[in-house]
């Protein structure tokens, strides 16, 4: 809504009327967006097509080498798999002495993503399911890093995962740069410059 309003494409439509027209809702009092209305998908696609375009890397940076994608399959630990299955089938997970229960499918999906990253968040507190040495995603990154002949970038979803990656790569002498939410422009530039210009900086988290 915000981007389309900035582009003056909504003819005075409010955020509430935009949501009512294009969004499917559910959850508590039907206020949570769960998808795009099937009846309006074509209309919304036409609206977006009229004022946007896809900028492909191949068109804008022909000097870059071709992109090669390779899937890395990571097995969850037994503890992760148990929590994952319980959340998937019964919508709850047992955390030490307390239980976390969810009601919405969207919330369940988010918790499943967290479990796949070896953590569960409840009331702003992060509960790690495994120690770093047993965290499958972290160990997969470190294994790939050992075989990297050039600098590399590691993307993360949860800030706690980012901090864990940064700490481990720093401990292993990769001298990583670190970009995270809420950074000041000067701090962001400093980390980018470190990655681009410092030969001892092998990684960007």
Protein backbone atom coordinates (compact mmCIF):
# COMPACT_ATOMS: atom_id res chain seq x y z
CA UNK A 1 0.00 0.00 0.00
CA UNK A 2 2.72 2.48 0.98
CA UNK A 3 4.69 2.09 -2.25
CA UNK A 4 1.57 2.34 -4.44
CA UNK A 5 0.41 5.40 -2.54
CA UNK A 6 3.80 7.05 -3.06
CA UNK A 7 3.46 6.34 -6.78
CA UNK A 8 0.00 7.95 -6.71
CA UNK A 9 -1.69 4.82 -8.04
CA UNK A 10 -4.52 4.40 -5.52
CA UNK A 11 -6.83 7.29 -6.37
CA UNK A 12 -7.33 8.28 -2.73
CA UNK A 13 -7.85 4.72 -1.43
CA UNK A 14 -7.13 4.42 2.30
CA UNK A 15 -5.04 1.63 3.80
CA UNK A 16 -8.21 0.15 5.30
CA UNK A 17 -10.10 0.09 2.00
CA UNK A 18 -6.99 -1.27 0.23
CA UNK A 19 -6.78 -4.10 2.74
CA UNK A 20 -10.51 -4.80 2.46
CA UNK A 21 -10.33 -4.89 -1.34
CA UNK A 22 -7.22 -7.03 -1.86
CA UNK A 23 -6.45 -8.99 1.31
CA UNK A 24 -7.79 -12.23 2.70
CA UNK A 25 -7.91 -12.03 6.48
CA UNK A 26 -8.22 -14.44 9.37
CA UNK A 27 -7.17 -14.96 12.95
CA UNK A 28 -8.43 -12.87 15.86
CA UNK A 29 -11.49 -10.90 14.73
CA UNK A 30 -10.41 -11.55 11.11
CA UNK A 31 -7.76 -8.81 11.31
CA UNK A 32 -4.64 -10.74 10.30
CA UNK A 33 -3.71 -10.80 6.61
CA UNK A 34 -3.47 -14.40 5.41
CA UNK A 35 -3.18 -13.91 1.64
CA UNK A 36 -4.45 -12.10 -1.45
CA UNK A 37 -8.12 -12.26 -2.37
CA UNK A 38 -8.60 -14.72 -5.24
CA UNK A 39 -11.21 -12.42 -6.78
CA UNK A 40 -8.75 -9.50 -6.89
CA UNK A 41 -5.41 -11.15 -7.77
CA UNK A 42 -5.68 -10.27 -11.46
CA UNK A 43 -6.71 -6.69 -10.67
CA UNK A 44 -3.81 -6.20 -8.24
CA UNK A 45 -1.35 -7.76 -10.70
CA UNK A 46 -2.57 -5.38 -13.43
CA UNK A 47 -2.16 -2.41 -11.05
CA UNK A 48 1.41 -3.45 -10.19
CA UNK A 49 2.28 -4.10 -13.85
CA UNK A 50 1.22 -0.56 -14.75
CA UNK A 51 3.82 1.10 -12.50
CA UNK A 52 6.60 -1.43 -11.77
CA UNK A 53 9.09 -3.65 -13.57
CA UNK A 54 11.51 -6.44 -12.67
CA UNK A 55 15.15 -5.39 -12.63
CA UNK A 56 17.14 -8.54 -13.35
CA UNK A 57 20.80 -8.70 -12.38
CA UNK A 58 21.71 -10.11 -15.79
CA UNK A 59 20.32 -6.96 -17.46
CA UNK A 60 21.93 -4.46 -15.10
CA UNK A 61 25.31 -6.07 -14.34
CA UNK A 62 26.42 -7.94 -17.44
CA UNK A 63 30.00 -7.90 -16.04
CA UNK A 64 29.11 -10.32 -13.25
CA UNK A 65 29.83 -14.03 -13.68
CA UNK A 66 26.84 -16.34 -14.18
CA UNK A 67 24.99 -17.30 -11.02
CA UNK A 68 25.22 -20.93 -9.97
CA UNK A 69 22.67 -22.19 -7.46
CA UNK A 70 23.38 -25.26 -5.37
CA UNK A 71 21.03 -26.60 -2.72
CA UNK A 72 22.57 -27.52 0.62
CA UNK A 73 20.53 -30.12 2.45
CA UNK A 74 20.84 -29.88 6.24
CA UNK A 75 19.52 -32.56 8.57
CA UNK A 76 17.85 -31.46 11.80
CA UNK A 77 19.02 -32.99 15.07
CA UNK A 78 16.79 -35.47 16.90
CA UNK A 79 15.78 -32.75 19.36
CA UNK A 80 14.86 -30.34 16.56
CA UNK A 81 12.92 -33.03 14.71
CA UNK A 82 10.91 -33.85 17.85
CA UNK A 83 9.99 -30.18 18.43
CA UNK A 84 9.24 -29.71 14.73
CA UNK A 85 6.90 -32.70 14.60
CA UNK A 86 5.08 -31.64 17.77
CA UNK A 87 4.56 -28.11 16.45
CA UNK A 88 3.50 -29.43 13.05
CA UNK A 89 0.95 -31.91 14.38
CA UNK A 90 -0.15 -30.50 17.74
CA UNK A 91 0.62 -26.73 17.53
CA UNK A 92 2.82 -26.60 20.62
CA UNK A 93 6.42 -26.99 21.72
CA UNK A 94 7.83 -27.83 25.16
CA UNK A 95 10.58 -25.43 26.25
CA UNK A 96 12.39 -26.61 29.37
CA UNK A 97 9.82 -25.96 32.11
CA UNK A 98 7.24 -24.11 30.01
CA UNK A 99 5.02 -24.84 27.04
CA UNK A 100 4.49 -22.63 23.99
CA UNK A 101 1.14 -23.09 22.24
CA UNK A 102 -0.02 -21.38 19.03
CA UNK A 103 -3.48 -21.05 17.51
CA UNK A 104 -2.95 -19.71 13.98
CA UNK A 105 -1.43 -21.58 11.05
CA UNK A 106 0.71 -18.53 10.19
CA UNK A 107 2.12 -18.47 13.72
CA UNK A 108 2.73 -22.21 13.50
CA UNK A 109 4.65 -21.72 10.23
CA UNK A 110 6.84 -19.07 11.86
CA UNK A 111 7.62 -21.39 14.80
CA UNK A 112 8.52 -24.19 12.38
CA UNK A 113 10.97 -21.82 10.66
CA UNK A 114 12.46 -20.93 14.03
CA UNK A 115 12.87 -24.60 14.98
CA UNK A 116 14.61 -25.26 11.65
CA UNK A 117 17.12 -22.56 12.72
CA UNK A 118 17.60 -24.32 16.07
CA UNK A 119 15.77 -21.72 18.18
CA UNK A 120 12.32 -20.85 19.51
CA UNK A 121 11.26 -17.35 20.56
CA UNK A 122 8.68 -16.69 23.26
CA UNK A 123 7.81 -13.31 24.81
CA UNK A 124 10.98 -11.74 23.43
CA UNK A 125 13.22 -14.48 24.86
CA UNK A 126 15.21 -16.80 22.57
CA UNK A 127 15.49 -20.45 23.58
CA UNK A 128 18.29 -22.30 21.74
CA UNK A 129 17.49 -25.95 21.02
CA UNK A 130 21.14 -26.96 20.59
CA UNK A 131 24.60 -25.67 21.47
CA UNK A 132 26.51 -23.97 18.59
CA UNK A 133 28.64 -27.09 18.06
CA UNK A 134 25.44 -29.07 17.43
CA UNK A 135 23.56 -26.41 15.41
CA UNK A 136 23.19 -27.99 11.92
CA UNK A 137 22.79 -24.73 9.96
CA UNK A 138 25.74 -23.10 11.68
CA UNK A 139 27.94 -26.14 11.11
CA UNK A 140 26.90 -26.23 7.43
CA UNK A 141 27.95 -22.58 7.04
CA UNK A 142 31.30 -23.25 8.70
CA UNK A 143 31.89 -26.26 6.44
CA UNK A 144 31.16 -24.17 3.33
CA UNK A 145 33.39 -21.39 4.69
CA UNK A 146 36.32 -23.79 5.02
CA UNK A 147 36.08 -24.52 1.30
CA UNK A 148 35.61 -20.90 0.20
CA UNK A 149 38.51 -19.51 -1.84
CA UNK A 150 37.09 -15.97 -1.96
CA UNK A 151 35.08 -13.72 0.32
CA UNK A 152 31.55 -14.86 1.06
CA UNK A 153 28.22 -13.44 2.31
CA UNK A 154 25.95 -15.25 4.76
CA UNK A 155 22.30 -14.17 4.97
CA UNK A 156 20.22 -14.86 8.09
CA UNK A 157 16.58 -14.52 9.13
CA UNK A 158 16.70 -14.02 12.91
CA UNK A 159 18.96 -11.47 14.59
CA UNK A 160 20.00 -14.07 17.14
CA UNK A 161 21.16 -16.30 14.27
CA UNK A 162 23.09 -13.36 12.81
CA UNK A 163 24.84 -12.73 16.11
CA UNK A 164 25.67 -16.43 16.45
CA UNK A 165 27.13 -16.52 12.92
CA UNK A 166 29.15 -13.36 13.52
CA UNK A 167 30.55 -14.62 16.84
CA UNK A 168 31.55 -18.01 15.40
CA UNK A 169 33.14 -16.58 12.24
CA UNK A 170 35.02 -14.02 14.35
CA UNK A 171 36.24 -16.76 16.69
CA UNK A 172 37.53 -18.69 13.67
CA UNK A 173 39.54 -15.68 12.42
CA UNK A 174 37.39 -14.75 9.39
CA UNK A 175 37.27 -11.14 10.69
CA UNK A 176 33.64 -10.79 9.51
CA UNK A 177 31.72 -7.62 8.76
CA UNK A 178 28.21 -7.53 10.22
CA UNK A 179 25.07 -5.81 8.88
CA UNK A 180 21.97 -5.82 11.05
CA UNK A 181 18.77 -3.83 11.59
CA UNK A 182 18.82 -0.39 13.21
CA UNK A 183 22.34 0.57 12.14
CA UNK A 184 23.28 4.21 11.59
CA UNK A 185 24.28 5.10 7.99
CA UNK A 186 27.94 5.67 8.98
CA UNK A 187 28.09 2.32 10.78
CA UNK A 188 26.52 0.55 7.79
CA UNK A 189 29.03 2.17 5.42
CA UNK A 190 31.90 1.20 7.70
CA UNK A 191 30.91 -2.47 7.63
CA UNK A 192 30.46 -2.45 3.84
CA UNK A 193 33.85 -0.77 3.38
CA UNK A 194 35.43 -3.33 5.69
CA UNK A 195 34.11 -6.20 3.60
CA UNK A 196 35.01 -4.60 0.28
CA UNK A 197 38.38 -3.14 1.22
CA UNK A 198 39.94 -5.13 4.06
CA UNK A 199 41.74 -8.25 2.71
CA UNK A 200 41.60 -9.89 6.15
CA UNK A 201 37.78 -9.62 6.19
CA UNK A 202 36.66 -12.86 4.59
CA UNK A 203 32.93 -12.81 5.42
CA UNK A 204 29.90 -10.54 5.57
CA UNK A 205 27.04 -11.60 7.83
